[in-house]
Amino acid sequence: MITLLNLLSGCIALTMAFRGAFTAVVLWVGIAALFDFLDGMAARLLKAYSSIGRELDSLADAVSFGVAPAAAVYMLLRDHLPIPASLGAMSPLIPYLAFLIPLFSAYRLAKFNLDERQTSSFLGLPTPANALFWISYCYGMQRLAPSETFFLYLTLLLILLLSLLMVSELPMFSLKIKQLSLRGNERQLTLVLLSAVLIAIWGITGIAWSILTYIALSLLTGLIRGRSAR
């Protein structure tokens, strides 16, 4: 039931995206992320693990964290970012590049289900993190109302980079705090503190900066650990 509430929230977020209601998209994807967190917690507390729950979770995530944020990016590209006339016949097709996001999200979710290496950490950017980046990015960019084509190319580049990052082998730390102590949770607590500062400064757009911070921390700590292992 909790997983289905995740899916329901994703469906509502999808309809809000096609209305161009970016604030509502942030709200409903955020609610979906909450249910995504709670269904795993409930399964652990109740010891109610099942194969159908695992598959249903991925199906819900594909909508809530793949299709819904992609719809927001599609509307951003279609209605809010300037597409240069020099692109000619390609111009009407540009917004559809947003749907690379659910394609790579679905592939990542299927890969995650089969990969037994990702029990305590991740390989590649998790789909909820990617979704949170895009909904806050769309919210901020729509309010900025940019007139320079730079932001169009930036958005397309980010679509490509983050999509590839989802299916990469880059180690990313989990946000789960398994014990109430500083030792072993340094990265998680650092991210929480930095995110709080970024959101306090930038508001909803600070979520996008927080996800970029999460990626940077994962890269940095992975590099440090790799060097120390040598």
Protein backbone atom coordinates (compact mmCIF):
# COMPACT_ATOMS: atom_id res chain seq x y z
CA MET A 1 0.00 0.00 0.00
CA ILE A 2 2.82 2.41 0.83
CA THR A 3 4.54 1.62 -2.47
CA LEU A 4 1.29 2.23 -4.35
CA LEU A 5 1.01 5.61 -2.61
CA ASN A 6 4.44 6.36 -4.07
CA LEU A 7 3.06 5.52 -7.53
CA LEU A 8 -0.08 7.58 -6.96
CA SER A 9 2.02 10.59 -5.93
CA GLY A 10 4.12 10.15 -9.07
CA CYS A 11 1.00 10.11 -11.24
CA ILE A 12 -0.22 13.34 -9.65
CA ALA A 13 3.24 14.89 -10.14
CA LEU A 14 3.06 13.88 -13.80
CA THR A 15 -0.26 15.67 -14.34
CA MET A 16 1.07 18.75 -12.51
CA ALA A 17 4.14 18.76 -14.77
CA PHE A 18 2.05 18.85 -17.94
CA ARG A 19 0.11 21.77 -16.46
CA GLY A 20 3.40 23.62 -15.93
CA ALA A 21 2.79 23.71 -12.17
CA PHE A 22 6.42 23.24 -11.11
CA THR A 23 5.82 23.97 -7.43
CA ALA A 24 3.22 21.18 -7.31
CA VAL A 25 5.65 18.84 -9.09
CA VAL A 26 8.23 19.47 -6.36
CA LEU A 27 5.61 18.78 -3.70
CA TRP A 28 4.32 15.52 -5.18
CA VAL A 29 7.70 14.07 -6.15
CA GLY A 30 8.82 14.92 -2.63
CA ILE A 31 5.81 13.03 -1.24
CA ALA A 32 6.64 10.10 -3.53
CA ALA A 33 10.22 10.11 -2.20
CA LEU A 34 8.85 10.03 1.35
CA PHE A 35 6.69 6.99 0.57
CA ASP A 36 9.67 5.37 -1.18
CA PHE A 37 11.64 5.77 2.05
CA LEU A 38 8.78 4.58 4.25
CA ASP A 39 7.99 1.39 2.32
CA GLY A 40 11.54 0.12 2.83
CA MET A 41 11.43 1.06 6.51
CA ALA A 42 8.05 -0.67 6.95
CA ALA A 43 9.34 -3.81 5.21
CA ARG A 44 12.33 -3.97 7.57
CA LEU A 45 10.29 -3.31 10.72
CA LEU A 46 7.57 -5.81 9.82
CA LYS A 47 9.99 -8.26 8.17
CA ALA A 48 7.55 -8.20 5.25
CA TYR A 49 9.93 -8.76 2.35
CA SER A 50 8.51 -10.11 -0.89
CA SER A 51 9.44 -10.42 -4.56
CA ILE A 52 6.26 -8.60 -5.62
CA GLY A 53 7.13 -5.71 -3.31
CA ARG A 54 10.59 -5.42 -4.86
CA GLU A 55 9.21 -5.38 -8.40
CA LEU A 56 6.37 -3.02 -7.53
CA ASP A 57 8.83 -0.63 -5.92
CA SER A 58 10.81 -0.37 -9.16
CA LEU A 59 7.67 0.14 -11.24
CA ALA A 60 6.52 2.94 -8.93
CA ASP A 61 9.97 4.53 -8.98
CA ALA A 62 10.07 4.47 -12.79
CA VAL A 63 6.98 6.71 -12.83
CA SER A 64 7.66 8.91 -9.80
CA PHE A 65 11.39 9.42 -10.36
CA GLY A 66 11.64 8.84 -14.11
CA VAL A 67 8.56 9.88 -16.07
CA ALA A 68 7.31 12.65 -13.74
CA PRO A 69 10.55 14.67 -13.57
CA ALA A 70 11.09 14.10 -17.31
CA ALA A 71 7.69 15.66 -17.99
CA ALA A 72 8.77 18.71 -15.98
CA VAL A 73 11.99 18.94 -18.01
CA TYR A 74 9.97 18.55 -21.23
CA MET A 75 7.75 21.49 -20.27
CA LEU A 76 10.78 23.55 -19.26
CA LEU A 77 12.42 22.95 -22.65
CA ARG A 78 9.20 23.53 -24.56
CA ASP A 79 7.89 26.64 -22.84
CA HIS A 80 10.66 28.34 -20.85
CA LEU A 81 14.05 27.93 -22.50
CA PRO A 82 14.88 29.71 -25.78
CA ILE A 83 15.55 27.27 -28.64
CA PRO A 84 17.62 28.98 -31.37
CA ALA A 85 16.07 29.17 -34.82
CA SER A 86 19.40 28.04 -36.25
CA LEU A 87 18.50 24.49 -35.22
CA GLY A 88 15.86 24.56 -37.95
CA ALA A 89 13.70 21.44 -38.23
CA MET A 90 15.37 20.02 -35.10
CA SER A 91 13.86 22.73 -32.85
CA PRO A 92 10.47 21.02 -32.21
CA LEU A 93 12.29 17.79 -31.29
CA ILE A 94 14.56 19.30 -28.63
CA PRO A 95 12.04 19.05 -25.73
CA TYR A 96 11.66 15.31 -26.33
CA LEU A 97 15.28 14.79 -25.27
CA ALA A 98 13.91 15.09 -21.72
CA PHE A 99 12.61 11.55 -22.07
CA LEU A 100 16.13 10.18 -21.97
CA ILE A 101 15.64 10.55 -18.21
CA PRO A 102 12.99 7.79 -17.78
CA LEU A 103 14.83 5.54 -20.24
CA PHE A 104 18.03 5.62 -18.20
CA SER A 105 16.04 5.56 -14.94
CA ALA A 106 14.24 2.35 -15.94
CA TYR A 107 17.52 0.77 -17.02
CA ARG A 108 19.14 1.73 -13.73
CA LEU A 109 16.24 0.31 -11.69
CA ALA A 110 16.40 -3.01 -13.55
CA LYS A 111 20.17 -3.09 -13.12
CA PHE A 112 19.85 -2.30 -9.40
CA ASN A 113 17.43 -5.19 -8.84
CA LEU A 114 19.94 -7.66 -10.26
CA ASP A 115 23.10 -6.17 -8.74
CA GLU A 116 23.92 -7.70 -5.36
CA ARG A 117 26.81 -5.26 -4.83
CA GLN A 118 24.43 -2.40 -3.97
CA THR A 119 23.12 -3.53 -0.60
CA SER A 120 24.81 -0.88 1.58
CA SER A 121 25.89 1.67 -1.05
CA PHE A 122 25.16 2.53 -4.68
CA LEU A 123 26.89 2.24 -8.01
CA GLY A 124 25.71 5.18 -10.06
CA LEU A 125 23.36 8.01 -9.15
CA PRO A 126 20.13 6.74 -7.48
CA THR A 127 16.95 7.55 -9.39
CA PRO A 128 15.30 9.48 -6.50
CA ALA A 129 18.36 11.75 -6.26
CA ASN A 130 18.27 12.36 -10.01
CA ALA A 131 14.54 13.15 -9.81
CA LEU A 132 15.01 15.58 -6.93
CA PHE A 133 17.69 17.38 -8.90
CA TRP A 134 15.48 17.82 -11.95
CA ILE A 135 12.32 18.99 -10.22
CA SER A 136 14.20 21.64 -8.24
CA TYR A 137 16.23 22.61 -11.33
CA CYS A 138 13.03 23.09 -13.35
CA TYR A 139 11.46 25.09 -10.53
CA GLY A 140 14.45 27.43 -10.34
CA MET A 141 15.00 27.75 -14.09
CA GLN A 142 11.33 28.53 -14.74
CA ARG A 143 11.43 31.33 -12.18
CA LEU A 144 14.69 32.64 -13.63
CA ALA A 145 13.11 32.85 -17.12
CA PRO A 146 16.47 32.86 -18.92
CA SER A 147 16.76 34.42 -22.36
CA GLU A 148 20.26 33.11 -23.22
CA THR A 149 20.61 29.89 -25.21
CA PHE A 150 23.44 28.92 -22.82
CA PHE A 151 20.84 27.58 -20.39
CA LEU A 152 19.29 25.39 -23.08
CA TYR A 153 22.64 23.77 -23.85
CA LEU A 154 23.41 23.48 -20.11
CA THR A 155 20.12 21.63 -19.57
CA LEU A 156 20.75 19.25 -22.47
CA LEU A 157 24.28 18.58 -21.22
CA LEU A 158 22.98 17.86 -17.71
CA ILE A 159 20.36 15.47 -19.10
CA LEU A 160 23.10 13.50 -20.82
CA LEU A 161 25.61 13.58 -17.96
CA LEU A 162 23.20 12.69 -15.16
CA SER A 163 21.53 9.98 -17.26
CA LEU A 164 24.91 8.36 -17.89
CA LEU A 165 25.80 8.80 -14.22
CA MET A 166 22.74 6.76 -13.21
CA VAL A 167 24.00 3.69 -15.09
CA SER A 168 27.69 4.23 -14.32
CA GLU A 169 29.89 2.21 -11.95
CA LEU A 170 30.71 5.29 -9.87
CA PRO A 171 30.44 4.44 -6.12
CA MET A 172 27.87 6.63 -4.36
CA PHE A 173 27.33 6.47 -0.61
CA SER A 174 23.97 5.61 0.89
CA LEU A 175 22.11 8.22 2.94
CA LYS A 176 21.00 5.63 5.49
CA ILE A 177 22.37 6.20 8.99
CA LYS A 178 22.71 2.77 10.57
CA GLN A 179 23.95 3.84 13.99
CA LEU A 180 23.56 6.98 16.08
CA SER A 181 27.20 8.03 16.13
CA LEU A 182 29.45 10.37 14.17
CA ARG A 183 31.94 7.66 13.27
CA GLY A 184 30.98 5.99 10.03
CA ASN A 185 28.36 8.63 9.21
CA GLU A 186 30.67 11.56 8.42
CA ARG A 187 29.63 11.84 4.77
CA GLN A 188 25.92 11.59 5.48
CA LEU A 189 26.01 14.23 8.23
CA THR A 190 28.21 16.53 6.14
CA LEU A 191 25.71 16.29 3.29
CA VAL A 192 22.78 17.00 5.62
CA LEU A 193 24.47 20.11 7.02
CA LEU A 194 25.53 21.43 3.60
CA SER A 195 22.07 20.73 2.19
CA ALA A 196 20.43 22.63 5.03
CA VAL A 197 22.64 25.65 4.26
CA LEU A 198 22.01 25.46 0.51
CA ILE A 199 18.24 25.16 0.93
CA ALA A 200 18.24 28.01 3.46
CA ILE A 201 20.02 30.21 0.90
CA TRP A 202 18.39 29.09 -2.36
CA GLY A 203 15.05 27.65 -1.22
CA ILE A 204 13.69 24.84 -3.38
CA THR A 205 16.47 25.38 -5.94
CA GLY A 206 18.91 24.50 -3.16
CA ILE A 207 17.80 20.88 -3.54
CA ALA A 208 19.49 20.74 -6.95
CA TRP A 209 22.68 22.15 -5.45
CA SER A 210 22.41 19.54 -2.66
CA ILE A 211 22.30 16.70 -5.20
CA LEU A 212 25.36 18.12 -6.97
CA THR A 213 27.04 18.29 -3.55
CA TYR A 214 26.13 14.62 -2.97
CA ILE A 215 27.77 13.68 -6.27
CA ALA A 216 30.87 15.74 -5.47
CA LEU A 217 31.20 14.22 -1.98
CA SER A 218 30.88 10.72 -3.43
CA LEU A 219 33.56 11.47 -6.02
CA LEU A 220 35.88 13.07 -3.46
CA THR A 221 35.58 10.40 -0.79
CA GLY A 222 35.82 7.64 -3.38
CA LEU A 223 39.05 9.18 -4.69
CA ILE A 224 40.49 9.51 -1.17
CA ARG A 225 39.61 5.92 -0.27
CA GLY A 226 41.02 4.67 -3.55
CA ARG A 227 44.34 6.38 -2.88
CA SER A 228 44.49 5.16 0.74
CA ALA A 229 43.83 1.57 -0.44
CA ARG A 230 46.97 1.78 -2.56
